[in-house]
Each structure stands twice: as structure tokens, then as C-alpha cells.
Amino acid sequence: MGLEYDFDIVTIDADETNSGSAKSAAPAKGATRAQFRRAKTAEALRAASPKIRLVFEEAGFGLDPTNSNLAHGYFRPQDTAERERILRALFANIRAVGVKGEYCGAFDIRQFIDDVKTARPRDDVPSEVKEWISKSREPAGPKPKRRSIQGRIGFALGLAVVVIVVLKYLASAGTAP
């Protein structure tokens, strides 16, 4: 399974900007930035070429993950304006600087764009949804064991003997098959 490119908007207080710590976004007067929800995705961006990292950082992305409880494909509705602002800046940076031929590693820019396009605003969507399995998807009971090779040979020999006996009986009766 590929990486999930969902991100959240976080607010950084002016006194926390140097330490790099972030807290959940709320309408406040601090600076905002986007941070990926999954540590693997943030690590993949850190492992990409310096040019790609710079394009994302200048647009407003952080390289640290957040601790979000939203499901894949959703974002908080109150983050819509900041999200659009950061994405516009990112795409403007990509057009201006260009990323063609740059090393992306595990970070897939096309998949990132697809995830951004399909993301929808929604409140209270837990990330851990219980998996429901219908009865039709439940595995059937244990399958009967296949016959052993000796059983198959015995069946074939028995069938051959029966066919030979029937043919001899028909031949002795004067009827040919």
C-alpha cells in the first residue's frame, strides 16, 4: 500500500516558531503550516531531493507529522481557506521552480495531487473504523482433504477393472459396443 498524503493545518505560536513545535489549528493569530498526518509520508518528503523539500517548505509545509484522528481522504472544514492558500502557493512554486527530474524517492507527487483532489471536508471522522465483514466474505468451513496419490491410482484401477468386466460381458453376450 502506498503512502497517504493527507495533511492538517496547524498553528504555530510566535514564541514556538524557533522550537518547531506545533499545536492543532484553531483560529488564532499565529502562523499556520501544513503537516502530513503519517510519519512515513513526512519521512518520505524529508528523503526527497533538497529542491523538492524547499518547494514544499516555502509553500508552507512542515516536515514533521501531526497526531490527527481524521480518516484518510478527509480534512477539517475550518481548514479549507488555509489549505487552499498553501496548495496555491505549492503549485505556484512547482510551476516556477519545476520538479521534473528531481529525486522524489517514495514521495509520489502525482499520488499527492490525486489525494488532494479527492479530499473532502468532514467533521468527526475517526481514523480507526472497525472493519465490517459481511457473511458472504467470511471464509467457508475447512475444505475436504484432497485424495492422496494412492487413492487416485486405486480409483483409476477400480474403474478400469469395471470397464473391462463390462466389455467382456458385452462381448460374451454377442453385442459389441
N, C-alpha and C. Protein backbone atom coordinates (compact mmCIF):
# COMPACT_ATOMS: atom_id res chain seq x y z
N MET A 1 0.83 -1.16 0.00
CA MET A 1 0.00 0.00 0.00
C MET A 1 0.88 1.23 0.00
N GLY A 2 0.47 2.23 -0.80
CA GLY A 2 1.24 3.46 -0.91
C GLY A 2 1.08 4.36 0.30
N LEU A 3 1.71 5.49 0.22
CA LEU A 3 1.63 6.47 1.28
C LEU A 3 0.31 7.21 1.24
N GLU A 4 -0.11 7.71 2.40
CA GLU A 4 -1.29 8.56 2.49
C GLU A 4 -0.79 9.99 2.58
N TYR A 5 -1.28 10.86 1.71
CA TYR A 5 -0.78 12.23 1.62
C TYR A 5 -1.72 13.23 2.28
N ASP A 6 -2.53 12.78 3.23
CA ASP A 6 -3.40 13.69 3.96
C ASP A 6 -2.56 14.58 4.86
N PHE A 7 -2.99 15.83 4.99
CA PHE A 7 -2.28 16.75 5.87
C PHE A 7 -3.27 17.61 6.63
N ASP A 8 -2.82 18.15 7.74
CA ASP A 8 -3.63 19.03 8.57
C ASP A 8 -2.97 20.39 8.63
N ILE A 9 -3.78 21.39 8.89
CA ILE A 9 -3.28 22.74 9.08
C ILE A 9 -3.05 22.93 10.58
N VAL A 10 -1.86 23.33 10.96
CA VAL A 10 -1.52 23.55 12.37
C VAL A 10 -1.10 25.00 12.55
N THR A 11 -1.32 25.51 13.75
CA THR A 11 -0.95 26.89 14.07
C THR A 11 0.30 26.87 14.93
N ILE A 12 1.24 27.71 14.59
CA ILE A 12 2.48 27.82 15.35
C ILE A 12 2.49 29.18 16.02
N ASP A 13 2.62 29.18 17.34
CA ASP A 13 2.71 30.45 18.06
C ASP A 13 4.02 31.14 17.73
N ALA A 14 4.04 32.45 17.86
CA ALA A 14 5.23 33.22 17.53
C ALA A 14 6.42 32.81 18.39
N ASP A 15 6.19 32.49 19.67
CA ASP A 15 7.30 32.10 20.54
C ASP A 15 7.72 30.65 20.32
N GLU A 16 6.87 29.87 19.63
CA GLU A 16 7.21 28.46 19.37
C GLU A 16 7.82 28.26 17.99
N THR A 17 7.91 29.29 17.18
CA THR A 17 8.41 29.15 15.82
C THR A 17 9.83 28.63 15.81
N ASN A 18 10.65 29.06 16.74
CA ASN A 18 12.04 28.61 16.77
C ASN A 18 12.16 27.16 17.21
N SER A 19 11.30 26.73 18.11
CA SER A 19 11.40 25.35 18.59
C SER A 19 10.83 24.36 17.60
N GLY A 20 9.98 24.82 16.69
CA GLY A 20 9.43 23.93 15.67
C GLY A 20 8.25 23.12 16.15
N SER A 21 7.76 23.38 17.37
CA SER A 21 6.62 22.61 17.84
C SER A 21 5.35 23.23 17.29
N ALA A 22 4.32 22.43 17.17
CA ALA A 22 3.07 22.89 16.60
C ALA A 22 1.92 22.38 17.43
N LYS A 23 0.80 23.08 17.37
CA LYS A 23 -0.40 22.60 18.02
C LYS A 23 -1.53 22.60 17.01
N SER A 24 -2.61 21.96 17.36
CA SER A 24 -3.72 21.83 16.42
C SER A 24 -4.23 23.20 16.01
N ALA A 25 -4.66 23.28 14.76
CA ALA A 25 -5.09 24.58 14.22
C ALA A 25 -6.38 25.04 14.86
N ALA A 26 -6.42 26.29 15.20
CA ALA A 26 -7.61 26.96 15.69
C ALA A 26 -7.49 28.40 15.24
N PRO A 27 -8.56 29.09 15.05
CA PRO A 27 -8.44 30.47 14.60
C PRO A 27 -7.64 31.29 15.61
N ALA A 28 -6.42 31.52 15.30
CA ALA A 28 -5.53 32.27 16.19
C ALA A 28 -4.66 33.17 15.33
N LYS A 29 -3.85 34.00 15.97
CA LYS A 29 -3.03 34.95 15.24
C LYS A 29 -1.65 34.40 14.91
N GLY A 30 -1.39 33.13 15.18
CA GLY A 30 -0.10 32.53 14.89
C GLY A 30 0.02 32.15 13.43
N ALA A 31 1.21 31.84 13.02
CA ALA A 31 1.45 31.39 11.65
C ALA A 31 0.91 29.97 11.50
N THR A 32 0.48 29.63 10.29
CA THR A 32 -0.03 28.28 10.03
C THR A 32 0.86 27.58 9.03
N ARG A 33 0.83 26.28 9.09
CA ARG A 33 1.52 25.47 8.10
C ARG A 33 0.80 24.13 7.99
N ALA A 34 1.11 23.43 6.94
CA ALA A 34 0.53 22.12 6.69
C ALA A 34 1.52 21.05 7.11
N GLN A 35 1.01 20.03 7.79
CA GLN A 35 1.86 18.91 8.18
C GLN A 35 1.13 17.61 7.86
N PHE A 36 1.88 16.67 7.33
CA PHE A 36 1.30 15.38 6.97
C PHE A 36 0.90 14.63 8.23
N ARG A 37 -0.13 13.81 8.11
CA ARG A 37 -0.63 13.05 9.27
C ARG A 37 0.23 11.84 9.57
N ARG A 38 0.78 11.23 8.58
CA ARG A 38 1.54 9.99 8.77
C ARG A 38 3.03 10.26 8.79
N ALA A 39 3.72 9.63 9.73
CA ALA A 39 5.16 9.81 9.86
C ALA A 39 5.90 9.30 8.63
N LYS A 40 5.40 8.23 8.00
CA LYS A 40 6.05 7.68 6.81
C LYS A 40 6.03 8.68 5.66
N THR A 41 4.93 9.41 5.54
CA THR A 41 4.82 10.40 4.47
C THR A 41 5.78 11.57 4.72
N ALA A 42 5.83 12.04 5.96
CA ALA A 42 6.75 13.13 6.31
C ALA A 42 8.19 12.68 6.10
N GLU A 43 8.50 11.44 6.44
CA GLU A 43 9.85 10.91 6.25
C GLU A 43 10.18 10.80 4.76
N ALA A 44 9.20 10.42 3.95
CA ALA A 44 9.43 10.33 2.51
C ALA A 44 9.73 11.70 1.92
N LEU A 45 9.05 12.74 2.41
CA LEU A 45 9.34 14.10 1.93
C LEU A 45 10.72 14.55 2.38
N ARG A 46 11.11 14.21 3.60
CA ARG A 46 12.45 14.56 4.09
C ARG A 46 13.53 13.85 3.27
N ALA A 47 13.22 12.66 2.75
CA ALA A 47 14.20 11.88 1.98
C ALA A 47 14.26 12.31 0.51
N ALA A 48 13.32 13.14 0.07
CA ALA A 48 13.33 13.61 -1.32
C ALA A 48 14.46 14.61 -1.52
N SER A 49 14.68 15.01 -2.75
CA SER A 49 15.77 15.94 -3.07
C SER A 49 15.56 17.27 -2.35
N PRO A 50 16.65 18.00 -2.09
CA PRO A 50 16.53 19.29 -1.41
C PRO A 50 15.64 20.28 -2.15
N LYS A 51 15.61 20.21 -3.46
CA LYS A 51 14.79 21.12 -4.25
C LYS A 51 13.30 20.86 -3.99
N ILE A 52 12.91 19.60 -3.91
CA ILE A 52 11.51 19.27 -3.65
C ILE A 52 11.13 19.66 -2.23
N ARG A 53 12.01 19.39 -1.27
CA ARG A 53 11.75 19.81 0.11
C ARG A 53 11.55 21.32 0.19
N LEU A 54 12.41 22.06 -0.50
CA LEU A 54 12.34 23.52 -0.48
C LEU A 54 11.03 24.02 -1.09
N VAL A 55 10.58 23.40 -2.18
CA VAL A 55 9.32 23.78 -2.81
C VAL A 55 8.17 23.61 -1.81
N PHE A 56 8.16 22.51 -1.09
CA PHE A 56 7.09 22.25 -0.12
C PHE A 56 7.22 23.18 1.09
N GLU A 57 8.43 23.36 1.60
CA GLU A 57 8.61 24.20 2.79
C GLU A 57 8.27 25.67 2.50
N GLU A 58 8.65 26.17 1.35
CA GLU A 58 8.35 27.56 1.02
C GLU A 58 6.85 27.79 0.83
N ALA A 59 6.13 26.75 0.45
CA ALA A 59 4.68 26.86 0.28
C ALA A 59 3.96 26.83 1.63
N GLY A 60 4.63 26.32 2.65
CA GLY A 60 4.00 26.28 3.97
C GLY A 60 3.86 24.90 4.56
N PHE A 61 4.56 23.92 4.03
CA PHE A 61 4.53 22.56 4.59
C PHE A 61 5.64 22.39 5.61
N GLY A 62 5.32 21.69 6.68
CA GLY A 62 6.32 21.32 7.67
C GLY A 62 6.79 19.90 7.40
N LEU A 63 7.92 19.54 7.94
CA LEU A 63 8.47 18.20 7.69
C LEU A 63 8.22 17.24 8.85
N ASP A 64 7.43 17.68 9.82
CA ASP A 64 7.08 16.83 10.96
C ASP A 64 5.64 16.37 10.82
N PRO A 65 5.31 15.16 11.28
CA PRO A 65 3.92 14.69 11.21
C PRO A 65 3.08 15.27 12.34
N THR A 66 1.77 15.22 12.17
CA THR A 66 0.84 15.63 13.22
C THR A 66 0.22 14.39 13.84
N ASN A 67 -0.44 14.57 14.92
CA ASN A 67 -1.19 13.48 15.55
C ASN A 67 -2.66 13.76 15.33
N SER A 68 -3.16 13.34 14.19
CA SER A 68 -4.54 13.62 13.81
C SER A 68 -5.36 12.36 13.90
N ASN A 69 -6.65 12.54 14.17
CA ASN A 69 -7.54 11.39 14.24
C ASN A 69 -8.52 11.35 13.08
N LEU A 70 -8.26 12.13 12.04
CA LEU A 70 -9.14 12.12 10.87
C LEU A 70 -8.82 10.95 9.94
N ALA A 71 -9.85 10.46 9.29
CA ALA A 71 -9.67 9.34 8.36
C ALA A 71 -9.04 9.84 7.06
N HIS A 72 -8.48 8.90 6.33
CA HIS A 72 -7.85 9.20 5.04
C HIS A 72 -8.90 9.76 4.08
N GLY A 73 -8.54 10.85 3.41
CA GLY A 73 -9.43 11.44 2.42
C GLY A 73 -10.30 12.58 2.94
N TYR A 74 -10.16 12.93 4.22
CA TYR A 74 -10.97 13.98 4.81
C TYR A 74 -10.09 15.02 5.50
N PHE A 75 -10.61 16.25 5.61
CA PHE A 75 -9.94 17.30 6.36
C PHE A 75 -10.99 18.13 7.08
N ARG A 76 -10.57 18.90 8.07
CA ARG A 76 -11.49 19.72 8.85
C ARG A 76 -12.01 20.88 7.99
N PRO A 77 -13.32 21.15 8.00
CA PRO A 77 -13.88 22.23 7.18
C PRO A 77 -13.30 23.60 7.53
N GLN A 78 -12.94 23.84 8.77
CA GLN A 78 -12.39 25.15 9.16
C GLN A 78 -10.99 25.37 8.59
N ASP A 79 -10.36 24.35 8.06
CA ASP A 79 -9.03 24.48 7.47
C ASP A 79 -9.07 24.78 5.97
N THR A 80 -10.25 24.88 5.39
CA THR A 80 -10.37 25.00 3.94
C THR A 80 -9.62 26.19 3.37
N ALA A 81 -9.78 27.37 3.97
CA ALA A 81 -9.15 28.58 3.42
C ALA A 81 -7.62 28.48 3.48
N GLU A 82 -7.08 28.08 4.61
CA GLU A 82 -5.61 27.95 4.74
C GLU A 82 -5.09 26.83 3.85
N ARG A 83 -5.84 25.77 3.75
CA ARG A 83 -5.45 24.64 2.89
C ARG A 83 -5.33 25.11 1.44
N GLU A 84 -6.32 25.85 0.97
CA GLU A 84 -6.28 26.34 -0.40
C GLU A 84 -5.13 27.32 -0.61
N ARG A 85 -4.88 28.18 0.38
CA ARG A 85 -3.78 29.14 0.27
C ARG A 85 -2.44 28.42 0.15
N ILE A 86 -2.23 27.42 0.99
CA ILE A 86 -0.97 26.67 0.97
C ILE A 86 -0.83 25.87 -0.33
N LEU A 87 -1.91 25.26 -0.80
CA LEU A 87 -1.84 24.50 -2.04
C LEU A 87 -1.60 25.40 -3.25
N ARG A 88 -2.23 26.59 -3.27
CA ARG A 88 -1.95 27.53 -4.35
C ARG A 88 -0.48 27.92 -4.36
N ALA A 89 0.07 28.20 -3.18
CA ALA A 89 1.49 28.55 -3.09
C ALA A 89 2.37 27.39 -3.54
N LEU A 90 1.99 26.16 -3.18
CA LEU A 90 2.77 24.98 -3.57
C LEU A 90 2.78 24.82 -5.09
N PHE A 91 1.61 24.91 -5.71
CA PHE A 91 1.54 24.72 -7.16
C PHE A 91 2.23 25.86 -7.90
N ALA A 92 2.18 27.06 -7.34
CA ALA A 92 2.91 28.18 -7.94
C ALA A 92 4.42 27.93 -7.84
N ASN A 93 4.88 27.40 -6.72
CA ASN A 93 6.30 27.06 -6.57
C ASN A 93 6.72 25.97 -7.55
N ILE A 94 5.87 24.97 -7.72
CA ILE A 94 6.19 23.88 -8.64
C ILE A 94 6.29 24.40 -10.07
N ARG A 95 5.35 25.29 -10.46
CA ARG A 95 5.41 25.87 -11.81
C ARG A 95 6.65 26.75 -11.97
N ALA A 96 6.98 27.51 -10.94
CA ALA A 96 8.10 28.46 -11.04
C ALA A 96 9.45 27.74 -11.03
N VAL A 97 9.61 26.81 -10.11
CA VAL A 97 10.91 26.15 -9.93
C VAL A 97 11.01 24.89 -10.80
N GLY A 98 9.93 24.13 -10.86
CA GLY A 98 9.94 22.88 -11.60
C GLY A 98 10.53 21.75 -10.77
N VAL A 99 9.94 20.59 -10.89
CA VAL A 99 10.43 19.43 -10.14
C VAL A 99 10.77 18.26 -11.06
N LYS A 100 10.69 18.50 -12.36
CA LYS A 100 10.96 17.43 -13.31
C LYS A 100 12.41 16.98 -13.19
N GLY A 101 12.59 15.67 -13.08
CA GLY A 101 13.93 15.09 -12.99
C GLY A 101 14.51 15.09 -11.59
N GLU A 102 13.78 15.61 -10.62
CA GLU A 102 14.27 15.63 -9.24
C GLU A 102 13.98 14.28 -8.58
N TYR A 103 14.82 13.91 -7.63
CA TYR A 103 14.66 12.65 -6.90
C TYR A 103 13.53 12.79 -5.89
N CYS A 104 12.52 11.97 -6.02
CA CYS A 104 11.38 12.01 -5.09
C CYS A 104 11.40 10.86 -4.11
N GLY A 105 12.12 9.81 -4.43
CA GLY A 105 12.14 8.64 -3.55
C GLY A 105 10.76 8.03 -3.46
N ALA A 106 10.31 7.76 -2.23
CA ALA A 106 9.00 7.15 -2.01
C ALA A 106 7.87 8.17 -2.09
N PHE A 107 8.21 9.46 -2.08
CA PHE A 107 7.19 10.51 -2.15
C PHE A 107 6.73 10.65 -3.60
N ASP A 108 5.47 10.35 -3.85
CA ASP A 108 4.91 10.36 -5.20
C ASP A 108 4.07 11.63 -5.38
N ILE A 109 4.57 12.57 -6.15
CA ILE A 109 3.89 13.86 -6.33
C ILE A 109 2.55 13.67 -7.03
N ARG A 110 2.47 12.77 -7.99
CA ARG A 110 1.19 12.54 -8.68
C ARG A 110 0.14 11.97 -7.72
N GLN A 111 0.55 11.03 -6.87
CA GLN A 111 -0.39 10.49 -5.88
C GLN A 111 -0.78 11.56 -4.87
N PHE A 112 0.16 12.44 -4.52
CA PHE A 112 -0.14 13.56 -3.63
C PHE A 112 -1.23 14.43 -4.25
N ILE A 113 -1.10 14.75 -5.53
CA ILE A 113 -2.08 15.60 -6.22
C ILE A 113 -3.43 14.88 -6.28
N ASP A 114 -3.43 13.57 -6.55
CA ASP A 114 -4.68 12.82 -6.58
C ASP A 114 -5.37 12.84 -5.21
N ASP A 115 -4.59 12.66 -4.14
CA ASP A 115 -5.16 12.69 -2.79
C ASP A 115 -5.71 14.08 -2.46
N VAL A 116 -5.03 15.13 -2.90
CA VAL A 116 -5.51 16.49 -2.65
C VAL A 116 -6.82 16.73 -3.39
N LYS A 117 -6.91 16.25 -4.63
CA LYS A 117 -8.13 16.45 -5.43
C LYS A 117 -9.33 15.72 -4.84
N THR A 118 -9.11 14.55 -4.27
CA THR A 118 -10.23 13.74 -3.77
C THR A 118 -10.57 14.00 -2.32
N ALA A 119 -9.76 14.76 -1.59
CA ALA A 119 -10.03 15.02 -0.18
C ALA A 119 -11.28 15.87 -0.03
N ARG A 120 -12.07 15.57 0.98
CA ARG A 120 -13.32 16.26 1.23
C ARG A 120 -13.36 16.75 2.68
N PRO A 121 -14.01 17.91 2.91
CA PRO A 121 -14.14 18.37 4.29
C PRO A 121 -15.19 17.55 5.04
N ARG A 122 -14.87 17.21 6.29
CA ARG A 122 -15.82 16.46 7.09
C ARG A 122 -15.38 16.49 8.54
N ASP A 123 -16.33 16.70 9.43
CA ASP A 123 -16.05 16.70 10.87
C ASP A 123 -16.19 15.30 11.44
N ASP A 124 -15.48 15.06 12.51
CA ASP A 124 -15.65 13.85 13.32
C ASP A 124 -15.61 12.55 12.53
N VAL A 125 -14.58 12.34 11.78
CA VAL A 125 -14.39 11.09 11.07
C VAL A 125 -13.20 10.39 11.71
N PRO A 126 -13.44 9.39 12.55
CA PRO A 126 -12.31 8.73 13.21
C PRO A 126 -11.44 7.98 12.22
N SER A 127 -10.14 7.93 12.50
CA SER A 127 -9.23 7.27 11.57
C SER A 127 -9.28 5.76 11.70
N GLU A 128 -9.69 5.26 12.84
CA GLU A 128 -9.75 3.81 13.03
C GLU A 128 -11.20 3.37 12.99
N VAL A 129 -11.65 2.94 11.85
CA VAL A 129 -13.01 2.47 11.67
C VAL A 129 -12.98 0.95 11.76
N LYS A 130 -13.91 0.39 12.54
CA LYS A 130 -13.95 -1.06 12.66
C LYS A 130 -14.27 -1.67 11.31
N GLU A 131 -13.54 -2.69 10.96
CA GLU A 131 -13.75 -3.33 9.67
C GLU A 131 -14.93 -4.27 9.78
N TRP A 132 -15.93 -4.04 8.94
CA TRP A 132 -17.11 -4.86 8.91
C TRP A 132 -16.94 -5.90 7.82
N ILE A 133 -17.13 -7.15 8.18
CA ILE A 133 -17.01 -8.24 7.22
C ILE A 133 -18.38 -8.88 7.07
N SER A 134 -18.90 -8.87 5.87
CA SER A 134 -20.20 -9.50 5.64
C SER A 134 -20.05 -11.01 5.70
N LYS A 135 -21.17 -11.66 5.90
CA LYS A 135 -21.13 -13.11 5.99
C LYS A 135 -20.68 -13.76 4.69
N SER A 136 -20.96 -13.09 3.57
CA SER A 136 -20.57 -13.67 2.29
C SER A 136 -19.06 -13.63 2.11
N ARG A 137 -18.37 -12.73 2.83
CA ARG A 137 -16.91 -12.64 2.71
C ARG A 137 -16.20 -13.51 3.73
N GLU A 138 -16.94 -14.06 4.71
CA GLU A 138 -16.31 -14.91 5.69
C GLU A 138 -15.82 -16.19 5.01
N PRO A 139 -14.68 -16.68 5.43
CA PRO A 139 -14.18 -17.91 4.81
C PRO A 139 -15.10 -19.08 5.13
N ALA A 140 -15.28 -19.94 4.15
CA ALA A 140 -16.10 -21.13 4.32
C ALA A 140 -15.40 -22.09 5.28
N GLY A 141 -16.13 -23.11 5.68
CA GLY A 141 -15.56 -24.11 6.58
C GLY A 141 -14.35 -24.78 5.94
N PRO A 142 -13.67 -25.61 6.68
CA PRO A 142 -12.48 -26.26 6.12
C PRO A 142 -12.84 -27.14 4.93
N LYS A 143 -12.01 -27.06 3.92
CA LYS A 143 -12.24 -27.84 2.71
C LYS A 143 -11.84 -29.29 2.97
N PRO A 144 -12.53 -30.22 2.32
CA PRO A 144 -12.14 -31.61 2.49
C PRO A 144 -10.75 -31.83 1.89
N LYS A 145 -10.03 -32.73 2.52
CA LYS A 145 -8.68 -33.01 2.03
C LYS A 145 -8.75 -33.68 0.67
N ARG A 146 -7.78 -33.35 -0.15
CA ARG A 146 -7.71 -33.99 -1.47
C ARG A 146 -7.25 -35.43 -1.28
N ARG A 147 -7.64 -36.22 -2.21
CA ARG A 147 -7.25 -37.62 -2.13
C ARG A 147 -5.76 -37.76 -2.36
N SER A 148 -5.20 -38.73 -1.72
CA SER A 148 -3.78 -38.98 -1.90
C SER A 148 -3.54 -39.61 -3.26
N ILE A 149 -2.31 -39.67 -3.66
CA ILE A 149 -1.96 -40.25 -4.96
C ILE A 149 -2.33 -41.73 -5.00
N GLN A 150 -2.17 -42.42 -3.86
CA GLN A 150 -2.54 -43.84 -3.84
C GLN A 150 -4.04 -44.01 -4.02
N GLY A 151 -4.81 -43.11 -3.45
CA GLY A 151 -6.27 -43.18 -3.60
C GLY A 151 -6.69 -42.93 -5.04
N ARG A 152 -6.03 -42.00 -5.69
CA ARG A 152 -6.34 -41.71 -7.09
C ARG A 152 -6.00 -42.90 -7.98
N ILE A 153 -4.84 -43.53 -7.73
CA ILE A 153 -4.44 -44.69 -8.52
C ILE A 153 -5.40 -45.85 -8.30
N GLY A 154 -5.80 -46.05 -7.03
CA GLY A 154 -6.75 -47.13 -6.72
C GLY A 154 -8.08 -46.91 -7.40
N PHE A 155 -8.57 -45.67 -7.40
CA PHE A 155 -9.84 -45.35 -8.06
C PHE A 155 -9.74 -45.62 -9.56
N ALA A 156 -8.64 -45.20 -10.18
CA ALA A 156 -8.45 -45.40 -11.63
C ALA A 156 -8.38 -46.88 -11.96
N LEU A 157 -7.65 -47.68 -11.15
CA LEU A 157 -7.57 -49.13 -11.41
C LEU A 157 -8.93 -49.80 -11.23
N GLY A 158 -9.67 -49.41 -10.22
CA GLY A 158 -11.01 -49.98 -9.99
C GLY A 158 -11.94 -49.67 -11.15
N LEU A 159 -11.88 -48.42 -11.64
CA LEU A 159 -12.70 -48.03 -12.77
C LEU A 159 -12.31 -48.83 -14.02
N ALA A 160 -11.01 -49.04 -14.22
CA ALA A 160 -10.54 -49.81 -15.38
C ALA A 160 -11.03 -51.26 -15.30
N VAL A 161 -10.99 -51.85 -14.12
CA VAL A 161 -11.46 -53.23 -13.95
C VAL A 161 -12.95 -53.31 -14.26
N VAL A 162 -13.74 -52.36 -13.80
CA VAL A 162 -15.18 -52.36 -14.05
C VAL A 162 -15.44 -52.24 -15.56
N VAL A 163 -14.71 -51.35 -16.25
CA VAL A 163 -14.89 -51.17 -17.69
C VAL A 163 -14.53 -52.47 -18.43
N ILE A 164 -13.45 -53.12 -18.04
CA ILE A 164 -13.03 -54.37 -18.69
C ILE A 164 -14.08 -55.46 -18.47
N VAL A 165 -14.59 -55.56 -17.27
CA VAL A 165 -15.61 -56.58 -16.97
C VAL A 165 -16.86 -56.32 -17.81
N VAL A 166 -17.29 -55.08 -17.92
CA VAL A 166 -18.49 -54.75 -18.70
C VAL A 166 -18.25 -55.09 -20.18
N LEU A 167 -17.05 -54.77 -20.69
CA LEU A 167 -16.75 -55.06 -22.09
C LEU A 167 -16.72 -56.57 -22.34
N LYS A 168 -16.16 -57.35 -21.41
CA LYS A 168 -16.14 -58.81 -21.57
C LYS A 168 -17.56 -59.38 -21.53
N TYR A 169 -18.38 -58.83 -20.66
CA TYR A 169 -19.75 -59.32 -20.58
C TYR A 169 -20.50 -59.03 -21.87
N LEU A 170 -20.29 -57.82 -22.41
CA LEU A 170 -20.98 -57.45 -23.66
C LEU A 170 -20.44 -58.31 -24.82
N ALA A 171 -19.15 -58.61 -24.82
CA ALA A 171 -18.58 -59.44 -25.87
C ALA A 171 -19.10 -60.87 -25.81
N SER A 172 -19.24 -61.39 -24.59
CA SER A 172 -19.76 -62.76 -24.46
C SER A 172 -21.24 -62.83 -24.79
N ALA A 173 -21.94 -61.76 -24.64
CA ALA A 173 -23.37 -61.73 -24.96
C ALA A 173 -23.59 -61.53 -26.46
N GLY A 174 -22.55 -61.17 -27.19
CA GLY A 174 -22.65 -61.03 -28.62
C GLY A 174 -22.96 -59.60 -29.06
N THR A 175 -22.88 -58.72 -28.18
CA THR A 175 -23.09 -57.32 -28.54
C THR A 175 -21.76 -56.58 -28.40
N ALA A 176 -21.51 -55.84 -29.41
CA ALA A 176 -20.25 -55.06 -29.37
C ALA A 176 -20.60 -53.60 -29.13
N PRO A 177 -19.76 -52.92 -28.41
CA PRO A 177 -20.04 -51.50 -28.15
C PRO A 177 -19.82 -50.62 -29.37
